[in-house]
Amino acid sequence: RERRLHAKRNLARSAAFDRGYLVY
């Protein structure tokens, strides 16, 4: 469960647009 939750968080973090990426 912990591995799945960690993978889900990493996927959500990589999919999110942060400000620097948006400027780039």
PDB file of all heavy atoms in Angstrom:
ATOM      1  N   ARG A   1       0.836  -1.209   0.000  1.00  0.00           N
ATOM      2  CA  ARG A   1       0.000   0.000   0.000  1.00  0.00           C
ATOM      3  C   ARG A   1       0.868   1.256   0.000  1.00  0.00           C
ATOM      4  O   ARG A   1       0.573   2.230  -0.689  1.00  0.00           O
ATOM      5  CB  ARG A   1      -0.917   0.017   1.219  1.00  0.00           C
ATOM      6  CG  ARG A   1      -2.108  -0.855   1.106  1.00  0.00           C
ATOM      7  CD  ARG A   1      -2.998  -0.680   2.311  1.00  0.00           C
ATOM      8  NE  ARG A   1      -4.018  -1.701   2.347  1.00  0.00           N
ATOM      9  CZ  ARG A   1      -4.801  -1.931   3.389  1.00  0.00           C
ATOM     10  NH1 ARG A   1      -4.656  -1.214   4.492  1.00  0.00           N
ATOM     11  NH2 ARG A   1      -5.714  -2.859   3.338  1.00  0.00           N
ATOM     12  N   GLU A   2       1.932   1.227   0.817  1.00  0.00           N
ATOM     13  CA  GLU A   2       2.831   2.383   0.892  1.00  0.00           C
ATOM     14  C   GLU A   2       3.517   2.630  -0.463  1.00  0.00           C
ATOM     15  O   GLU A   2       3.634   3.774  -0.904  1.00  0.00           O
ATOM     16  CB  GLU A   2       3.884   2.139   1.981  1.00  0.00           C
ATOM     17  CG  GLU A   2       4.787   3.329   2.241  1.00  0.00           C
ATOM     18  CD  GLU A   2       4.040   4.516   2.801  1.00  0.00           C
ATOM     19  OE1 GLU A   2       3.029   4.325   3.519  1.00  0.00           O
ATOM     20  OE2 GLU A   2       4.454   5.643   2.512  1.00  0.00           O
ATOM     21  N   ARG A   3       3.946   1.550  -1.145  1.00  0.00           N
ATOM     22  CA  ARG A   3       4.563   1.695  -2.462  1.00  0.00           C
ATOM     23  C   ARG A   3       3.582   2.284  -3.476  1.00  0.00           C
ATOM     24  O   ARG A   3       3.924   3.158  -4.266  1.00  0.00           O
ATOM     25  CB  ARG A   3       5.064   0.335  -2.954  1.00  0.00           C
ATOM     26  CG  ARG A   3       6.492   0.063  -2.548  1.00  0.00           C
ATOM     27  CD  ARG A   3       7.018  -1.174  -3.237  1.00  0.00           C
ATOM     28  NE  ARG A   3       7.106  -2.200  -2.194  1.00  0.00           N
ATOM     29  CZ  ARG A   3       6.660  -3.428  -2.279  1.00  0.00           C
ATOM     30  NH1 ARG A   3       6.106  -3.858  -3.378  1.00  0.00           N
ATOM     31  NH2 ARG A   3       6.762  -4.254  -1.271  1.00  0.00           N
ATOM     32  N   ARG A   4       2.356   1.809  -3.445  1.00  0.00           N
ATOM     33  CA  ARG A   4       1.346   2.339  -4.365  1.00  0.00           C
ATOM     34  C   ARG A   4       1.051   3.809  -4.096  1.00  0.00           C
ATOM     35  O   ARG A   4       0.909   4.607  -5.016  1.00  0.00           O
ATOM     36  CB  ARG A   4       0.062   1.523  -4.268  1.00  0.00           C
ATOM     37  CG  ARG A   4       0.172   0.166  -4.899  1.00  0.00           C
ATOM     38  CD  ARG A   4      -1.126  -0.575  -4.832  1.00  0.00           C
ATOM     39  NE  ARG A   4      -0.971  -1.932  -5.337  1.00  0.00           N
ATOM     40  CZ  ARG A   4      -1.831  -2.884  -5.172  1.00  0.00           C
ATOM     41  NH1 ARG A   4      -2.966  -2.643  -4.506  1.00  0.00           N
ATOM     42  NH2 ARG A   4      -1.624  -4.075  -5.665  1.00  0.00           N
ATOM     43  N   LEU A   5       0.928   4.169  -2.816  1.00  0.00           N
ATOM     44  CA  LEU A   5       0.670   5.555  -2.437  1.00  0.00           C
ATOM     45  C   LEU A   5       1.835   6.450  -2.867  1.00  0.00           C
ATOM     46  O   LEU A   5       1.632   7.546  -3.392  1.00  0.00           O
ATOM     47  CB  LEU A   5       0.431   5.660  -0.931  1.00  0.00           C
ATOM     48  CG  LEU A   5       0.097   7.046  -0.388  1.00  0.00           C
ATOM     49  CD1 LEU A   5      -1.211   7.533  -0.998  1.00  0.00           C
ATOM     50  CD2 LEU A   5       0.000   7.020   1.125  1.00  0.00           C
ATOM     51  N   HIS A   6       3.061   5.972  -2.656  1.00  0.00           N
ATOM     52  CA  HIS A   6       4.237   6.735  -3.050  1.00  0.00           C
ATOM     53  C   HIS A   6       4.286   6.917  -4.578  1.00  0.00           C
ATOM     54  O   HIS A   6       4.595   8.006  -5.076  1.00  0.00           O
ATOM     55  CB  HIS A   6       5.499   6.007  -2.556  1.00  0.00           C
ATOM     56  CG  HIS A   6       6.744   6.800  -2.713  1.00  0.00           C
ATOM     57  ND1 HIS A   6       6.966   7.996  -2.068  1.00  0.00           N
ATOM     58  CD2 HIS A   6       7.852   6.579  -3.481  1.00  0.00           C
ATOM     59  CE1 HIS A   6       8.141   8.469  -2.423  1.00  0.00           C
ATOM     60  NE2 HIS A   6       8.709   7.622  -3.282  1.00  0.00           N
ATOM     61  N   ALA A   7       3.965   5.870  -5.318  1.00  0.00           N
ATOM     62  CA  ALA A   7       3.943   5.962  -6.781  1.00  0.00           C
ATOM     63  C   ALA A   7       2.870   6.936  -7.254  1.00  0.00           C
ATOM     64  O   ALA A   7       3.073   7.705  -8.195  1.00  0.00           O
ATOM     65  CB  ALA A   7       3.717   4.582  -7.389  1.00  0.00           C
ATOM     66  N   LYS A   8       1.715   6.895  -6.585  1.00  0.00           N
ATOM     67  CA  LYS A   8       0.619   7.814  -6.940  1.00  0.00           C
ATOM     68  C   LYS A   8       1.031   9.266  -6.687  1.00  0.00           C
ATOM     69  O   LYS A   8       0.750  10.155  -7.485  1.00  0.00           O
ATOM     70  CB  LYS A   8      -0.624   7.447  -6.136  1.00  0.00           C
ATOM     71  CG  LYS A   8      -1.878   8.173  -6.590  1.00  0.00           C
ATOM     72  CD  LYS A   8      -3.046   7.842  -5.694  1.00  0.00           C
ATOM     73  CE  LYS A   8      -3.899   6.802  -6.363  1.00  0.00           C
ATOM     74  NZ  LYS A   8      -5.150   6.574  -5.612  1.00  0.00           N
ATOM     75  N   ARG A   9       1.721   9.519  -5.571  1.00  0.00           N
ATOM     76  CA  ARG A   9       2.184  10.882  -5.260  1.00  0.00           C
ATOM     77  C   ARG A   9       3.210  11.354  -6.297  1.00  0.00           C
ATOM     78  O   ARG A   9       3.166  12.495  -6.739  1.00  0.00           O
ATOM     79  CB  ARG A   9       2.798  10.920  -3.866  1.00  0.00           C
ATOM     80  CG  ARG A   9       1.793  10.895  -2.761  1.00  0.00           C
ATOM     81  CD  ARG A   9       2.474  10.984  -1.430  1.00  0.00           C
ATOM     82  NE  ARG A   9       1.537  10.717  -0.347  1.00  0.00           N
ATOM     83  CZ  ARG A   9       1.888  10.361   0.865  1.00  0.00           C
ATOM     84  NH1 ARG A   9       3.157  10.189   1.169  1.00  0.00           N
ATOM     85  NH2 ARG A   9       0.970  10.147   1.793  1.00  0.00           N
ATOM     86  N   ASN A  10       4.139  10.469  -6.658  1.00  0.00           N
ATOM     87  CA  ASN A  10       5.144  10.840  -7.657  1.00  0.00           C
ATOM     88  C   ASN A  10       4.494  11.155  -8.999  1.00  0.00           C
ATOM     89  O   ASN A  10       4.892  12.098  -9.693  1.00  0.00           O
ATOM     90  CB  ASN A  10       6.170   9.717  -7.841  1.00  0.00           C
ATOM     91  CG  ASN A  10       7.158   9.657  -6.707  1.00  0.00           C
ATOM     92  OD1 ASN A  10       7.300  10.616  -5.954  1.00  0.00           O
ATOM     93  ND2 ASN A  10       7.826   8.526  -6.575  1.00  0.00           N
ATOM     94  N   LEU A  11       3.489  10.374  -9.366  1.00  0.00           N
ATOM     95  CA  LEU A  11       2.781  10.620 -10.616  1.00  0.00           C
ATOM     96  C   LEU A  11       2.058  11.961 -10.579  1.00  0.00           C
ATOM     97  O   LEU A  11       2.097  12.729 -11.548  1.00  0.00           O
ATOM     98  CB  LEU A  11       1.791   9.487 -10.887  1.00  0.00           C
ATOM     99  CG  LEU A  11       1.042   9.543 -12.212  1.00  0.00           C
ATOM    100  CD1 LEU A  11       2.038   9.443 -13.366  1.00  0.00           C
ATOM    101  CD2 LEU A  11       0.039   8.431 -12.295  1.00  0.00           C
ATOM    102  N   ALA A  12       1.407  12.257  -9.460  1.00  0.00           N
ATOM    103  CA  ALA A  12       0.702  13.535  -9.329  1.00  0.00           C
ATOM    104  C   ALA A  12       1.689  14.691  -9.326  1.00  0.00           C
ATOM    105  O   ALA A  12       1.442  15.748  -9.931  1.00  0.00           O
ATOM    106  CB  ALA A  12      -0.129  13.542  -8.055  1.00  0.00           C
ATOM    107  N   ARG A  13       2.843  14.518  -8.681  1.00  0.00           N
ATOM    108  CA  ARG A  13       3.848  15.573  -8.616  1.00  0.00           C
ATOM    109  C   ARG A  13       4.450  15.826 -10.004  1.00  0.00           C
ATOM    110  O   ARG A  13       4.695  16.956 -10.389  1.00  0.00           O
ATOM    111  CB  ARG A  13       4.948  15.172  -7.635  1.00  0.00           C
ATOM    112  CG  ARG A  13       5.882  16.319  -7.300  1.00  0.00           C
ATOM    113  CD  ARG A  13       6.942  15.911  -6.288  1.00  0.00           C
ATOM    114  NE  ARG A  13       6.347  15.350  -5.094  1.00  0.00           N
ATOM    115  CZ  ARG A  13       6.845  14.314  -4.416  1.00  0.00           C
ATOM    116  NH1 ARG A  13       7.953  13.742  -4.822  1.00  0.00           N
ATOM    117  NH2 ARG A  13       6.242  13.865  -3.331  1.00  0.00           N
ATOM    118  N   SER A  14       4.689  14.766 -10.756  1.00  0.00           N
ATOM    119  CA  SER A  14       5.270  14.945 -12.090  1.00  0.00           C
ATOM    120  C   SER A  14       4.254  15.533 -13.065  1.00  0.00           C
ATOM    121  O   SER A  14       4.631  16.198 -14.020  1.00  0.00           O
ATOM    122  CB  SER A  14       5.799  13.615 -12.622  1.00  0.00           C
ATOM    123  OG  SER A  14       4.720  12.736 -12.863  1.00  0.00           O
ATOM    124  N   ALA A  15       2.985  15.270 -12.851  1.00  0.00           N
ATOM    125  CA  ALA A  15       1.961  15.790 -13.750  1.00  0.00           C
ATOM    126  C   ALA A  15       1.610  17.240 -13.464  1.00  0.00           C
ATOM    127  O   ALA A  15       1.045  17.924 -14.309  1.00  0.00           O
ATOM    128  CB  ALA A  15       0.702  14.935 -13.669  1.00  0.00           C
ATOM    129  N   ALA A  16       1.927  17.713 -12.285  1.00  0.00           N
ATOM    130  CA  ALA A  16       1.558  19.080 -11.901  1.00  0.00           C
ATOM    131  C   ALA A  16       2.451  20.099 -12.607  1.00  0.00           C
ATOM    132  O   ALA A  16       3.624  19.846 -12.863  1.00  0.00           O
ATOM    133  CB  ALA A  16       1.669  19.254 -10.393  1.00  0.00           C
ATOM    134  N   PHE A  17       1.882  21.253 -12.960  1.00  0.00           N
ATOM    135  CA  PHE A  17       2.622  22.345 -13.580  1.00  0.00           C
ATOM    136  C   PHE A  17       3.061  23.288 -12.481  1.00  0.00           C
ATOM    137  O   PHE A  17       2.243  23.952 -11.838  1.00  0.00           O
ATOM    138  CB  PHE A  17       1.729  23.120 -14.555  1.00  0.00           C
ATOM    139  CG  PHE A  17       1.483  22.395 -15.841  1.00  0.00           C
ATOM    140  CD1 PHE A  17       0.418  21.532 -15.981  1.00  0.00           C
ATOM    141  CD2 PHE A  17       2.336  22.582 -16.907  1.00  0.00           C
ATOM    142  CE1 PHE A  17       0.194  20.879 -17.162  1.00  0.00           C
ATOM    143  CE2 PHE A  17       2.109  21.927 -18.102  1.00  0.00           C
ATOM    144  CZ  PHE A  17       1.049  21.071 -18.233  1.00  0.00           C
ATOM    145  N   ASP A  18       4.350  23.416 -12.279  1.00  0.00           N
ATOM    146  CA  ASP A  18       4.800  24.414 -11.335  1.00  0.00           C
ATOM    147  C   ASP A  18       5.122  25.701 -12.096  1.00  0.00           C
ATOM    148  O   ASP A  18       5.106  25.742 -13.308  1.00  0.00           O
ATOM    149  CB  ASP A  18       5.999  23.909 -10.528  1.00  0.00           C
ATOM    150  CG  ASP A  18       7.181  23.533 -11.390  1.00  0.00           C
ATOM    151  OD1 ASP A  18       6.969  23.364 -12.602  1.00  0.00           O
ATOM    152  OD2 ASP A  18       8.297  23.420 -10.860  1.00  0.00           O
ATOM    153  N   ARG A  19       5.414  26.760 -11.392  1.00  0.00           N
ATOM    154  CA  ARG A  19       5.572  28.077 -11.984  1.00  0.00           C
ATOM    155  C   ARG A  19       6.765  28.133 -12.950  1.00  0.00           C
ATOM    156  O   ARG A  19       6.685  28.720 -14.026  1.00  0.00           O
ATOM    157  CB  ARG A  19       5.735  29.100 -10.870  1.00  0.00           C
ATOM    158  CG  ARG A  19       5.426  30.505 -11.274  1.00  0.00           C
ATOM    159  CD  ARG A  19       5.436  31.398 -10.088  1.00  0.00           C
ATOM    160  NE  ARG A  19       4.225  31.158  -9.296  1.00  0.00           N
ATOM    161  CZ  ARG A  19       3.518  32.098  -8.735  1.00  0.00           C
ATOM    162  NH1 ARG A  19       3.910  33.335  -8.822  1.00  0.00           N
ATOM    163  NH2 ARG A  19       2.439  31.819  -8.057  1.00  0.00           N
ATOM    164  N   GLY A  20       7.874  27.529 -12.594  1.00  0.00           N
ATOM    165  CA  GLY A  20       9.067  27.547 -13.449  1.00  0.00           C
ATOM    166  C   GLY A  20       8.818  26.849 -14.771  1.00  0.00           C
ATOM    167  O   GLY A  20       9.243  27.328 -15.832  1.00  0.00           O
ATOM    168  N   TYR A  21       8.150  25.712 -14.707  1.00  0.00           N
ATOM    169  CA  TYR A  21       7.846  24.982 -15.934  1.00  0.00           C
ATOM    170  C   TYR A  21       6.903  25.781 -16.814  1.00  0.00           C
ATOM    171  O   TYR A  21       7.029  25.786 -18.035  1.00  0.00           O
ATOM    172  CB  TYR A  21       7.253  23.614 -15.597  1.00  0.00           C
ATOM    173  CG  TYR A  21       6.964  22.770 -16.798  1.00  0.00           C
ATOM    174  CD1 TYR A  21       7.995  22.240 -17.564  1.00  0.00           C
ATOM    175  CD2 TYR A  21       5.658  22.522 -17.193  1.00  0.00           C
ATOM    176  CE1 TYR A  21       7.741  21.472 -18.677  1.00  0.00           C
ATOM    177  CE2 TYR A  21       5.384  21.747 -18.312  1.00  0.00           C
ATOM    178  CZ  TYR A  21       6.430  21.231 -19.045  1.00  0.00           C
ATOM    179  OH  TYR A  21       6.166  20.473 -20.149  1.00  0.00           O
ATOM    180  N   LEU A  22       5.950  26.469 -16.196  1.00  0.00           N
ATOM    181  CA  LEU A  22       5.006  27.277 -16.956  1.00  0.00           C
ATOM    182  C   LEU A  22       5.717  28.439 -17.647  1.00  0.00           C
ATOM    183  O   LEU A  22       5.432  28.738 -18.811  1.00  0.00           O
ATOM    184  CB  LEU A  22       3.906  27.788 -16.021  1.00  0.00           C
ATOM    185  CG  LEU A  22       2.705  28.453 -16.675  1.00  0.00           C
ATOM    186  CD1 LEU A  22       2.017  27.478 -17.606  1.00  0.00           C
ATOM    187  CD2 LEU A  22       1.745  28.943 -15.619  1.00  0.00           C
ATOM    188  N   VAL A  23       6.665  29.072 -16.962  1.00  0.00           N
ATOM    189  CA  VAL A  23       7.434  30.168 -17.569  1.00  0.00           C
ATOM    190  C   VAL A  23       8.273  29.633 -18.728  1.00  0.00           C
ATOM    191  O   VAL A  23       8.340  30.231 -19.806  1.00  0.00           O
ATOM    192  CB  VAL A  23       8.318  30.860 -16.508  1.00  0.00           C
ATOM    193  CG1 VAL A  23       9.330  31.804 -17.152  1.00  0.00           C
ATOM    194  CG2 VAL A  23       7.448  31.608 -15.511  1.00  0.00           C
ATOM    195  N   TYR A  24       8.925  28.486 -18.516  1.00  0.00           N
ATOM    196  CA  TYR A  24       9.729  27.868 -19.572  1.00  0.00           C
ATOM    197  C   TYR A  24       8.872  27.535 -20.781  1.00  0.00           C
ATOM    198  O   TYR A  24       9.243  27.813 -21.917  1.00  0.00           O
ATOM    199  CB  TYR A  24      10.407  26.621 -19.022  1.00  0.00           C
ATOM    200  CG  TYR A  24      11.048  25.764 -20.073  1.00  0.00           C
ATOM    201  CD1 TYR A  24      12.236  26.146 -20.678  1.00  0.00           C
ATOM    202  CD2 TYR A  24      10.458  24.578 -20.474  1.00  0.00           C
ATOM    203  CE1 TYR A  24      12.822  25.366 -21.659  1.00  0.00           C
ATOM    204  CE2 TYR A  24      11.033  23.788 -21.455  1.00  0.00           C
ATOM    205  CZ  TYR A  24      12.221  24.181 -22.039  1.00  0.00           C
ATOM    206  OH  TYR A  24      12.787  23.404 -23.001  1.00  0.00           O
TER     207      TYR A  24
END
